[in-house]
Amino acid sequence: MDGTVTAVCSSGDHTFRKPPRESVTLLAGLGVEGDVHAGVTVRHRSRVARDPSQPNLRQVHLIHEELFAEVAAAGFPVRPGELGENITTRGIDLLGLPTGTHLHLGAEAVVEITGLRNPCVQIDGFQDGLLQQVVGRDAAGNVVRKAGVMSVVLTGGAVRPGDPVAVVLPDAPHHPLQPV
């Protein structure tokens, strides 16, 4: 179940897209160094408006590269960083992992998955109709969110495209991811 980092992205500004970088540095308990969403408490504008003292469970946003092929097949070309993610992976079913899974990124960095990204209407501002591709319903009518997972940094370190990703599942019982 291990995979590979295919892209790393960050932005110091509140922009929807994050430009690709040669590397990013993860800081324990904070997030991506220099990224606008790094911090101990929430940094996403809507969450800050509600309660700025909430813990930041969304320090690092990871998305699976396989999603890009899926939405491209529906007519929505997307490249790394364009959905605001920090780390793009390949070969891991991020959405199927349980809460508390640890991802070892490169030689040192470790993040813990806290939940699903809850995509917002800004995605349609990027490409009209794309939100419907990343949020839908299954056959039973349950909401399915496909826009990646959120995590916190347990151990800092540099992360680069081409780095391995090792998956370490938490002890059972496993709990499915919920939006954070």
N, C-alpha and C. Protein backbone atom coordinates (compact mmCIF):
# COMPACT_ATOMS: atom_id res chain seq x y z
N MET A 1 0.82 -1.20 0.00
CA MET A 1 0.00 0.00 0.00
C MET A 1 0.86 1.26 0.00
N ASP A 2 2.16 1.13 -0.13
CA ASP A 2 3.02 2.30 -0.15
C ASP A 2 2.94 2.99 -1.50
N GLY A 3 3.36 4.24 -1.55
CA GLY A 3 3.26 5.02 -2.77
C GLY A 3 4.42 5.97 -2.93
N THR A 4 4.17 7.01 -3.73
CA THR A 4 5.20 7.98 -4.09
C THR A 4 4.62 9.39 -4.03
N VAL A 5 5.44 10.34 -3.64
CA VAL A 5 5.09 11.76 -3.75
C VAL A 5 5.34 12.16 -5.20
N THR A 6 4.33 12.76 -5.85
CA THR A 6 4.52 13.18 -7.24
C THR A 6 4.67 14.69 -7.37
N ALA A 7 4.21 15.45 -6.35
CA ALA A 7 4.35 16.91 -6.39
C ALA A 7 4.22 17.45 -4.98
N VAL A 8 4.87 18.60 -4.74
CA VAL A 8 4.72 19.33 -3.48
C VAL A 8 4.44 20.78 -3.83
N CYS A 9 3.53 21.41 -3.08
CA CYS A 9 3.08 22.76 -3.40
C CYS A 9 2.87 23.56 -2.12
N SER A 10 3.05 24.87 -2.23
CA SER A 10 2.76 25.74 -1.09
C SER A 10 2.54 27.16 -1.58
N SER A 11 1.88 27.94 -0.72
CA SER A 11 1.64 29.35 -1.02
C SER A 11 1.56 30.11 0.29
N GLY A 12 2.21 31.25 0.33
CA GLY A 12 2.15 32.11 1.50
C GLY A 12 0.94 33.02 1.51
N ASP A 13 0.14 32.97 0.45
CA ASP A 13 -1.04 33.81 0.33
C ASP A 13 -2.31 32.97 0.30
N HIS A 14 -3.43 33.59 0.65
CA HIS A 14 -4.73 32.92 0.57
C HIS A 14 -5.18 32.91 -0.90
N THR A 15 -4.62 31.98 -1.65
CA THR A 15 -5.02 31.78 -3.04
C THR A 15 -5.55 30.36 -3.16
N PHE A 16 -6.39 30.13 -4.15
CA PHE A 16 -6.96 28.80 -4.31
C PHE A 16 -5.89 27.81 -4.74
N ARG A 17 -5.09 28.20 -5.70
CA ARG A 17 -4.03 27.34 -6.23
C ARG A 17 -2.75 27.54 -5.42
N LYS A 18 -1.94 26.48 -5.37
CA LYS A 18 -0.63 26.55 -4.73
C LYS A 18 0.40 26.12 -5.78
N PRO A 19 1.41 26.96 -6.04
CA PRO A 19 2.39 26.59 -7.06
C PRO A 19 3.27 25.42 -6.64
N PRO A 20 3.61 24.56 -7.60
CA PRO A 20 4.53 23.45 -7.32
C PRO A 20 5.91 23.98 -6.91
N ARG A 21 6.57 23.22 -6.05
CA ARG A 21 7.91 23.56 -5.55
C ARG A 21 8.85 22.38 -5.77
N GLU A 22 10.14 22.64 -5.67
CA GLU A 22 11.13 21.55 -5.74
C GLU A 22 11.09 20.73 -4.47
N SER A 23 10.75 21.38 -3.35
CA SER A 23 10.61 20.70 -2.07
C SER A 23 9.82 21.59 -1.13
N VAL A 24 9.25 20.98 -0.10
CA VAL A 24 8.63 21.71 1.00
C VAL A 24 9.20 21.14 2.29
N THR A 25 9.17 21.97 3.32
CA THR A 25 9.61 21.52 4.64
C THR A 25 8.41 21.48 5.56
N LEU A 26 8.16 20.30 6.12
CA LEU A 26 7.09 20.15 7.09
C LEU A 26 7.64 20.45 8.47
N LEU A 27 6.85 21.21 9.25
CA LEU A 27 7.23 21.60 10.60
C LEU A 27 6.28 20.93 11.59
N ALA A 28 6.84 20.19 12.54
CA ALA A 28 6.04 19.44 13.51
C ALA A 28 5.05 20.37 14.23
N GLY A 29 3.78 19.96 14.23
CA GLY A 29 2.73 20.69 14.91
C GLY A 29 2.25 21.94 14.21
N LEU A 30 2.81 22.25 13.02
CA LEU A 30 2.46 23.49 12.33
C LEU A 30 1.94 23.27 10.91
N GLY A 31 2.69 22.53 10.10
CA GLY A 31 2.32 22.34 8.70
C GLY A 31 3.49 22.59 7.78
N VAL A 32 3.19 23.13 6.60
CA VAL A 32 4.21 23.39 5.58
C VAL A 32 4.83 24.76 5.83
N GLU A 33 6.13 24.78 6.00
CA GLU A 33 6.84 26.03 6.25
C GLU A 33 6.51 27.05 5.16
N GLY A 34 6.10 28.25 5.57
CA GLY A 34 5.79 29.32 4.63
C GLY A 34 4.42 29.25 4.01
N ASP A 35 3.65 28.21 4.29
CA ASP A 35 2.31 28.08 3.71
C ASP A 35 1.31 28.84 4.58
N VAL A 36 0.36 29.47 3.94
CA VAL A 36 -0.64 30.28 4.63
C VAL A 36 -1.47 29.47 5.63
N HIS A 37 -1.59 28.17 5.42
CA HIS A 37 -2.42 27.33 6.30
C HIS A 37 -1.63 26.70 7.44
N ALA A 38 -0.34 27.01 7.57
CA ALA A 38 0.46 26.47 8.66
C ALA A 38 0.11 27.19 9.96
N GLY A 39 0.02 26.42 11.04
CA GLY A 39 -0.23 27.01 12.34
C GLY A 39 -0.85 26.02 13.30
N VAL A 40 -0.77 26.32 14.56
CA VAL A 40 -1.33 25.46 15.60
C VAL A 40 -2.85 25.55 15.60
N THR A 41 -3.38 26.75 15.33
CA THR A 41 -4.83 26.94 15.27
C THR A 41 -5.26 27.12 13.82
N VAL A 42 -6.56 27.03 13.56
CA VAL A 42 -7.11 27.08 12.20
C VAL A 42 -6.62 28.30 11.43
N ARG A 43 -6.41 28.10 10.14
CA ARG A 43 -5.95 29.17 9.25
C ARG A 43 -6.89 29.39 8.06
N HIS A 44 -7.78 28.43 7.81
CA HIS A 44 -8.72 28.60 6.70
C HIS A 44 -9.71 29.70 7.08
N ARG A 45 -9.90 30.65 6.21
CA ARG A 45 -10.68 31.86 6.52
C ARG A 45 -12.05 31.57 7.12
N SER A 46 -12.79 30.62 6.55
CA SER A 46 -14.14 30.34 7.05
C SER A 46 -14.10 29.80 8.47
N ARG A 47 -13.09 29.01 8.77
CA ARG A 47 -12.97 28.44 10.11
C ARG A 47 -12.48 29.47 11.12
N VAL A 48 -11.60 30.36 10.70
CA VAL A 48 -11.14 31.44 11.57
C VAL A 48 -12.32 32.34 11.93
N ALA A 49 -13.20 32.61 10.96
CA ALA A 49 -14.36 33.46 11.22
C ALA A 49 -15.29 32.85 12.26
N ARG A 50 -15.40 31.51 12.26
CA ARG A 50 -16.26 30.83 13.23
C ARG A 50 -15.64 30.75 14.62
N ASP A 51 -14.37 30.35 14.68
CA ASP A 51 -13.69 30.19 15.96
C ASP A 51 -12.19 30.09 15.73
N PRO A 52 -11.46 31.20 15.87
CA PRO A 52 -10.02 31.19 15.58
C PRO A 52 -9.19 30.37 16.56
N SER A 53 -9.79 29.89 17.64
CA SER A 53 -9.02 29.12 18.62
C SER A 53 -9.07 27.61 18.37
N GLN A 54 -9.81 27.17 17.34
CA GLN A 54 -9.90 25.74 17.03
C GLN A 54 -8.51 25.20 16.67
N PRO A 55 -8.22 23.96 17.08
CA PRO A 55 -6.94 23.37 16.65
C PRO A 55 -6.93 23.17 15.14
N ASN A 56 -5.76 23.32 14.56
CA ASN A 56 -5.61 23.18 13.11
C ASN A 56 -5.40 21.71 12.75
N LEU A 57 -6.49 21.06 12.34
CA LEU A 57 -6.43 19.67 11.90
C LEU A 57 -6.22 19.57 10.40
N ARG A 58 -5.97 20.73 9.77
CA ARG A 58 -5.83 20.83 8.32
C ARG A 58 -4.49 21.46 7.95
N GLN A 59 -3.42 21.03 8.63
CA GLN A 59 -2.10 21.61 8.41
C GLN A 59 -1.53 21.26 7.04
N VAL A 60 -1.74 20.03 6.58
CA VAL A 60 -1.22 19.57 5.30
C VAL A 60 -2.34 18.86 4.54
N HIS A 61 -2.59 19.31 3.32
CA HIS A 61 -3.61 18.73 2.45
C HIS A 61 -2.92 17.82 1.44
N LEU A 62 -3.34 16.55 1.43
CA LEU A 62 -2.80 15.57 0.47
C LEU A 62 -3.91 15.16 -0.49
N ILE A 63 -3.54 14.96 -1.73
CA ILE A 63 -4.51 14.52 -2.73
C ILE A 63 -3.85 13.42 -3.57
N HIS A 64 -4.64 12.49 -4.03
CA HIS A 64 -4.14 11.37 -4.84
C HIS A 64 -4.15 11.77 -6.32
N GLU A 65 -3.01 11.57 -6.97
CA GLU A 65 -2.85 11.93 -8.37
C GLU A 65 -3.88 11.23 -9.26
N GLU A 66 -4.33 10.05 -8.85
CA GLU A 66 -5.31 9.31 -9.63
C GLU A 66 -6.61 10.10 -9.83
N LEU A 67 -6.91 11.02 -8.89
CA LEU A 67 -8.10 11.87 -9.04
C LEU A 67 -7.98 12.75 -10.29
N PHE A 68 -6.77 13.21 -10.59
CA PHE A 68 -6.58 14.08 -11.76
C PHE A 68 -6.97 13.36 -13.05
N ALA A 69 -6.61 12.09 -13.16
CA ALA A 69 -6.99 11.31 -14.35
C ALA A 69 -8.50 11.12 -14.41
N GLU A 70 -9.11 10.88 -13.25
CA GLU A 70 -10.56 10.69 -13.20
C GLU A 70 -11.31 11.94 -13.65
N VAL A 71 -10.93 13.11 -13.14
CA VAL A 71 -11.66 14.32 -13.52
C VAL A 71 -11.30 14.76 -14.94
N ALA A 72 -10.08 14.45 -15.39
CA ALA A 72 -9.70 14.77 -16.78
C ALA A 72 -10.56 13.99 -17.76
N ALA A 73 -10.87 12.73 -17.41
CA ALA A 73 -11.73 11.91 -18.27
C ALA A 73 -13.12 12.51 -18.39
N ALA A 74 -13.53 13.30 -17.40
CA ALA A 74 -14.84 13.97 -17.44
C ALA A 74 -14.73 15.38 -18.01
N GLY A 75 -13.54 15.74 -18.53
CA GLY A 75 -13.37 17.03 -19.19
C GLY A 75 -12.83 18.14 -18.30
N PHE A 76 -12.22 17.79 -17.18
CA PHE A 76 -11.70 18.79 -16.25
C PHE A 76 -10.20 18.56 -16.02
N PRO A 77 -9.35 19.15 -16.85
CA PRO A 77 -7.91 18.98 -16.64
C PRO A 77 -7.46 19.70 -15.36
N VAL A 78 -6.73 18.99 -14.51
CA VAL A 78 -6.24 19.54 -13.25
C VAL A 78 -4.79 19.09 -13.07
N ARG A 79 -3.95 20.02 -12.65
CA ARG A 79 -2.55 19.71 -12.37
C ARG A 79 -2.27 19.87 -10.88
N PRO A 80 -1.16 19.31 -10.40
CA PRO A 80 -0.83 19.42 -8.98
C PRO A 80 -0.85 20.87 -8.49
N GLY A 81 -1.41 21.06 -7.31
CA GLY A 81 -1.50 22.36 -6.68
C GLY A 81 -2.74 23.16 -7.05
N GLU A 82 -3.40 22.78 -8.15
CA GLU A 82 -4.53 23.57 -8.61
C GLU A 82 -5.78 23.40 -7.76
N LEU A 83 -5.83 22.37 -6.92
CA LEU A 83 -6.95 22.22 -5.98
C LEU A 83 -6.52 22.61 -4.56
N GLY A 84 -5.39 23.28 -4.45
CA GLY A 84 -4.93 23.81 -3.18
C GLY A 84 -4.20 22.82 -2.29
N GLU A 85 -3.85 21.66 -2.83
CA GLU A 85 -3.17 20.66 -2.00
C GLU A 85 -1.69 20.99 -1.85
N ASN A 86 -1.12 20.47 -0.77
CA ASN A 86 0.31 20.62 -0.51
C ASN A 86 1.12 19.46 -1.06
N ILE A 87 0.57 18.25 -0.98
CA ILE A 87 1.31 17.06 -1.40
C ILE A 87 0.40 16.19 -2.27
N THR A 88 0.93 15.84 -3.45
CA THR A 88 0.22 14.93 -4.35
C THR A 88 0.92 13.58 -4.29
N THR A 89 0.12 12.52 -4.15
CA THR A 89 0.68 11.17 -4.06
C THR A 89 0.16 10.30 -5.20
N ARG A 90 0.85 9.18 -5.40
CA ARG A 90 0.39 8.18 -6.37
C ARG A 90 0.55 6.81 -5.72
N GLY A 91 -0.44 5.94 -5.96
CA GLY A 91 -0.33 4.56 -5.50
C GLY A 91 -0.92 4.27 -4.13
N ILE A 92 -1.58 5.25 -3.53
CA ILE A 92 -2.19 5.05 -2.21
C ILE A 92 -3.65 5.46 -2.27
N ASP A 93 -4.53 4.62 -1.76
CA ASP A 93 -5.95 4.97 -1.65
C ASP A 93 -6.13 5.85 -0.42
N LEU A 94 -5.77 7.12 -0.55
CA LEU A 94 -5.85 8.04 0.59
C LEU A 94 -7.24 8.06 1.21
N LEU A 95 -8.28 8.07 0.37
CA LEU A 95 -9.66 8.19 0.85
C LEU A 95 -10.11 6.96 1.62
N GLY A 96 -9.46 5.82 1.40
CA GLY A 96 -9.84 4.58 2.06
C GLY A 96 -9.09 4.33 3.37
N LEU A 97 -8.17 5.21 3.70
CA LEU A 97 -7.40 5.02 4.93
C LEU A 97 -8.22 5.44 6.15
N PRO A 98 -7.97 4.83 7.31
CA PRO A 98 -8.70 5.23 8.51
C PRO A 98 -8.09 6.47 9.16
N THR A 99 -8.89 7.14 9.96
CA THR A 99 -8.41 8.26 10.76
C THR A 99 -7.25 7.77 11.62
N GLY A 100 -6.23 8.61 11.74
CA GLY A 100 -5.08 8.27 12.56
C GLY A 100 -3.97 7.55 11.82
N THR A 101 -4.15 7.28 10.53
CA THR A 101 -3.09 6.66 9.74
C THR A 101 -1.89 7.60 9.68
N HIS A 102 -0.69 7.04 9.81
CA HIS A 102 0.53 7.82 9.66
C HIS A 102 1.10 7.59 8.27
N LEU A 103 1.50 8.67 7.63
CA LEU A 103 2.17 8.61 6.34
C LEU A 103 3.60 9.10 6.55
N HIS A 104 4.56 8.23 6.25
CA HIS A 104 5.97 8.60 6.32
C HIS A 104 6.35 9.11 4.94
N LEU A 105 6.74 10.37 4.87
CA LEU A 105 7.02 11.05 3.60
C LEU A 105 8.51 11.32 3.50
N GLY A 106 9.17 10.69 2.54
CA GLY A 106 10.60 10.89 2.40
C GLY A 106 11.36 10.27 3.55
N ALA A 107 12.51 10.85 3.86
CA ALA A 107 13.41 10.27 4.86
C ALA A 107 13.00 10.54 6.29
N GLU A 108 12.28 11.64 6.56
CA GLU A 108 12.03 12.02 7.94
C GLU A 108 10.58 12.35 8.29
N ALA A 109 9.89 13.03 7.42
CA ALA A 109 8.58 13.61 7.76
C ALA A 109 7.51 12.54 7.99
N VAL A 110 6.64 12.81 8.98
CA VAL A 110 5.51 11.94 9.26
C VAL A 110 4.29 12.83 9.52
N VAL A 111 3.20 12.52 8.82
CA VAL A 111 1.93 13.21 9.07
C VAL A 111 0.90 12.19 9.54
N GLU A 112 -0.09 12.67 10.27
CA GLU A 112 -1.20 11.83 10.72
C GLU A 112 -2.47 12.34 10.07
N ILE A 113 -3.19 11.45 9.40
CA ILE A 113 -4.42 11.83 8.72
C ILE A 113 -5.51 12.11 9.75
N THR A 114 -6.11 13.29 9.63
CA THR A 114 -7.17 13.71 10.56
C THR A 114 -8.56 13.57 9.97
N GLY A 115 -8.67 13.61 8.64
CA GLY A 115 -9.99 13.49 8.02
C GLY A 115 -9.98 13.88 6.56
N LEU A 116 -11.18 13.95 6.01
CA LEU A 116 -11.38 14.30 4.60
C LEU A 116 -11.42 15.80 4.41
N ARG A 117 -10.92 16.25 3.26
CA ARG A 117 -11.13 17.63 2.89
C ARG A 117 -12.61 17.77 2.54
N ASN A 118 -13.20 18.84 3.02
CA ASN A 118 -14.59 19.15 2.69
C ASN A 118 -14.56 20.23 1.62
N PRO A 119 -14.62 19.86 0.34
CA PRO A 119 -14.47 20.84 -0.73
C PRO A 119 -15.59 21.88 -0.73
N CYS A 120 -15.25 23.08 -1.18
CA CYS A 120 -16.22 24.17 -1.18
C CYS A 120 -16.44 24.69 -2.60
N VAL A 121 -17.31 25.67 -2.73
CA VAL A 121 -17.69 26.22 -4.03
C VAL A 121 -16.55 26.91 -4.76
N GLN A 122 -15.45 27.20 -4.07
CA GLN A 122 -14.30 27.80 -4.75
C GLN A 122 -13.80 26.91 -5.88
N ILE A 123 -14.04 25.61 -5.76
CA ILE A 123 -13.61 24.68 -6.81
C ILE A 123 -14.32 25.01 -8.12
N ASP A 124 -15.59 25.38 -8.06
CA ASP A 124 -16.31 25.77 -9.27
C ASP A 124 -15.82 27.11 -9.81
N GLY A 125 -15.24 27.94 -8.95
CA GLY A 125 -14.62 29.18 -9.42
C GLY A 125 -13.38 28.90 -10.24
N PHE A 126 -12.72 27.80 -9.94
CA PHE A 126 -11.54 27.38 -10.70
C PHE A 126 -11.96 26.79 -12.04
N GLN A 127 -12.90 25.82 -12.01
CA GLN A 127 -13.47 25.23 -13.23
C GLN A 127 -14.94 24.93 -12.94
N ASP A 128 -15.82 25.62 -13.63
CA ASP A 128 -17.26 25.44 -13.41
C ASP A 128 -17.65 23.98 -13.63
N GLY A 129 -18.30 23.40 -12.62
CA GLY A 129 -18.75 22.02 -12.68
C GLY A 129 -17.81 21.02 -12.03
N LEU A 130 -16.60 21.46 -11.67
CA LEU A 130 -15.62 20.55 -11.08
C LEU A 130 -16.03 20.08 -9.68
N LEU A 131 -16.71 20.93 -8.93
CA LEU A 131 -17.14 20.53 -7.59
C LEU A 131 -17.98 19.27 -7.64
N GLN A 132 -18.84 19.16 -8.63
CA GLN A 132 -19.70 17.98 -8.78
C GLN A 132 -18.88 16.72 -9.08
N GLN A 133 -17.68 16.90 -9.61
CA GLN A 133 -16.81 15.75 -9.89
C GLN A 133 -16.09 15.25 -8.64
N VAL A 134 -15.87 16.15 -7.67
CA VAL A 134 -15.12 15.77 -6.47
C VAL A 134 -16.01 15.58 -5.24
N VAL A 135 -17.28 15.89 -5.36
CA VAL A 135 -18.27 15.61 -4.31
C VAL A 135 -19.49 15.05 -5.01
N GLY A 136 -19.88 13.86 -4.61
CA GLY A 136 -21.05 13.24 -5.22
C GLY A 136 -21.77 12.38 -4.20
N ARG A 137 -22.55 11.45 -4.70
CA ARG A 137 -23.29 10.54 -3.84
C ARG A 137 -23.09 9.11 -4.35
N ASP A 138 -23.04 8.17 -3.41
CA ASP A 138 -22.94 6.77 -3.80
C ASP A 138 -24.34 6.21 -4.06
N ALA A 139 -24.43 4.94 -4.36
CA ALA A 139 -25.71 4.31 -4.70
C ALA A 139 -26.72 4.40 -3.56
N ALA A 140 -26.24 4.47 -2.32
CA ALA A 140 -27.13 4.57 -1.16
C ALA A 140 -27.50 6.01 -0.81
N GLY A 141 -26.96 6.96 -1.59
CA GLY A 141 -27.27 8.36 -1.34
C GLY A 141 -26.33 9.06 -0.37
N ASN A 142 -25.28 8.38 0.07
CA ASN A 142 -24.32 8.98 0.99
C ASN A 142 -23.38 9.91 0.23
N VAL A 143 -23.01 11.02 0.86
CA VAL A 143 -22.07 11.96 0.26
C VAL A 143 -20.69 11.32 0.18
N VAL A 144 -20.06 11.45 -0.99
CA VAL A 144 -18.71 10.94 -1.22
C VAL A 144 -17.81 12.13 -1.56
N ARG A 145 -16.81 12.35 -0.72
CA ARG A 145 -15.85 13.44 -0.93
C ARG A 145 -14.55 12.85 -1.45
N LYS A 146 -14.08 13.39 -2.60
CA LYS A 146 -12.89 12.82 -3.24
C LYS A 146 -11.72 13.79 -3.33
N ALA A 147 -11.82 14.97 -2.69
CA ALA A 147 -10.83 16.02 -2.87
C ALA A 147 -9.65 15.93 -1.90
N GLY A 148 -9.34 14.73 -1.44
CA GLY A 148 -8.15 14.53 -0.65
C GLY A 148 -8.40 14.43 0.84
N VAL A 149 -7.28 14.36 1.57
CA VAL A 149 -7.33 14.21 3.02
C VAL A 149 -6.51 15.32 3.66
N MET A 150 -6.82 15.57 4.93
CA MET A 150 -6.12 16.57 5.72
C MET A 150 -5.30 15.85 6.78
N SER A 151 -4.24 16.51 7.23
CA SER A 151 -3.35 15.88 8.20
C SER A 151 -2.65 16.92 9.06
N VAL A 152 -2.05 16.42 10.13
CA VAL A 152 -1.19 17.24 10.99
C VAL A 152 0.22 16.65 10.92
N VAL A 153 1.21 17.49 11.16
CA VAL A 153 2.61 17.06 11.08
C VAL A 153 3.06 16.56 12.45
N LEU A 154 3.47 15.30 12.50
CA LEU A 154 4.01 14.72 13.72
C LEU A 154 5.52 14.90 13.80
N THR A 155 6.20 14.68 12.68
CA THR A 155 7.65 14.80 12.60
C THR A 155 7.98 15.61 11.35
N GLY A 156 8.75 16.65 11.52
CA GLY A 156 9.10 17.51 10.40
C GLY A 156 10.17 16.91 9.51
N GLY A 157 10.33 17.56 8.36
CA GLY A 157 11.36 17.15 7.42
C GLY A 157 11.04 17.63 6.02
N ALA A 158 12.01 17.52 5.15
CA ALA A 158 11.84 17.91 3.75
C ALA A 158 11.09 16.83 2.99
N VAL A 159 10.24 17.26 2.06
CA VAL A 159 9.50 16.35 1.19
C VAL A 159 9.66 16.84 -0.25
N ARG A 160 9.97 15.89 -1.14
CA ARG A 160 10.22 16.23 -2.54
C ARG A 160 9.47 15.27 -3.47
N PRO A 161 9.18 15.71 -4.70
CA PRO A 161 8.66 14.76 -5.68
C PRO A 161 9.62 13.59 -5.83
N GLY A 162 9.06 12.39 -5.92
CA GLY A 162 9.86 11.18 -6.04
C GLY A 162 10.11 10.49 -4.72
N ASP A 163 9.85 11.19 -3.61
CA ASP A 163 10.03 10.57 -2.29
C ASP A 163 9.03 9.44 -2.09
N PRO A 164 9.45 8.40 -1.36
CA PRO A 164 8.51 7.32 -1.04
C PRO A 164 7.52 7.76 0.03
N VAL A 165 6.36 7.12 0.01
CA VAL A 165 5.35 7.31 1.05
C VAL A 165 5.06 5.93 1.64
N ALA A 166 5.28 5.79 2.93
CA ALA A 166 4.99 4.54 3.63
C ALA A 166 3.76 4.75 4.51
N VAL A 167 2.83 3.82 4.43
CA VAL A 167 1.58 3.89 5.17
C VAL A 167 1.67 3.02 6.42
N VAL A 168 1.35 3.61 7.58
CA VAL A 168 1.30 2.87 8.83
C VAL A 168 -0.09 3.05 9.42
N LEU A 169 -0.86 1.97 9.41
CA LEU A 169 -2.24 2.03 9.91
C LEU A 169 -2.25 2.09 11.44
N PRO A 170 -3.27 2.74 12.00
CA PRO A 170 -3.39 2.77 13.46
C PRO A 170 -3.87 1.41 13.98
N ASP A 171 -3.77 1.21 15.27
CA ASP A 171 -4.31 0.00 15.87
C ASP A 171 -5.81 -0.05 15.64
N ALA A 172 -6.34 -1.25 15.52
CA ALA A 172 -7.79 -1.44 15.37
C ALA A 172 -8.46 -1.12 16.71
N PRO A 173 -9.71 -0.75 16.71
CA PRO A 173 -10.60 -0.67 15.55
C PRO A 173 -10.32 0.59 14.73
N HIS A 174 -10.47 0.46 13.42
CA HIS A 174 -10.27 1.58 12.51
C HIS A 174 -11.56 2.38 12.37
N HIS A 175 -11.39 3.70 12.21
CA HIS A 175 -12.54 4.60 12.06
C HIS A 175 -12.44 5.29 10.70
N PRO A 176 -13.53 5.23 9.91
CA PRO A 176 -13.48 5.86 8.59
C PRO A 176 -13.29 7.36 8.69
N LEU A 177 -12.71 7.92 7.66
CA LEU A 177 -12.48 9.36 7.61
C LEU A 177 -13.79 10.13 7.55
N GLN A 178 -13.82 11.24 8.27
CA GLN A 178 -14.94 12.17 8.25
C GLN A 178 -14.38 13.54 7.84
N PRO A 179 -15.21 14.43 7.34
CA PRO A 179 -14.72 15.78 6.99
C PRO A 179 -14.18 16.51 8.21
N VAL A 180 -13.10 17.24 8.00
CA VAL A 180 -12.54 18.10 9.06
C VAL A 180 -12.39 19.53 8.55
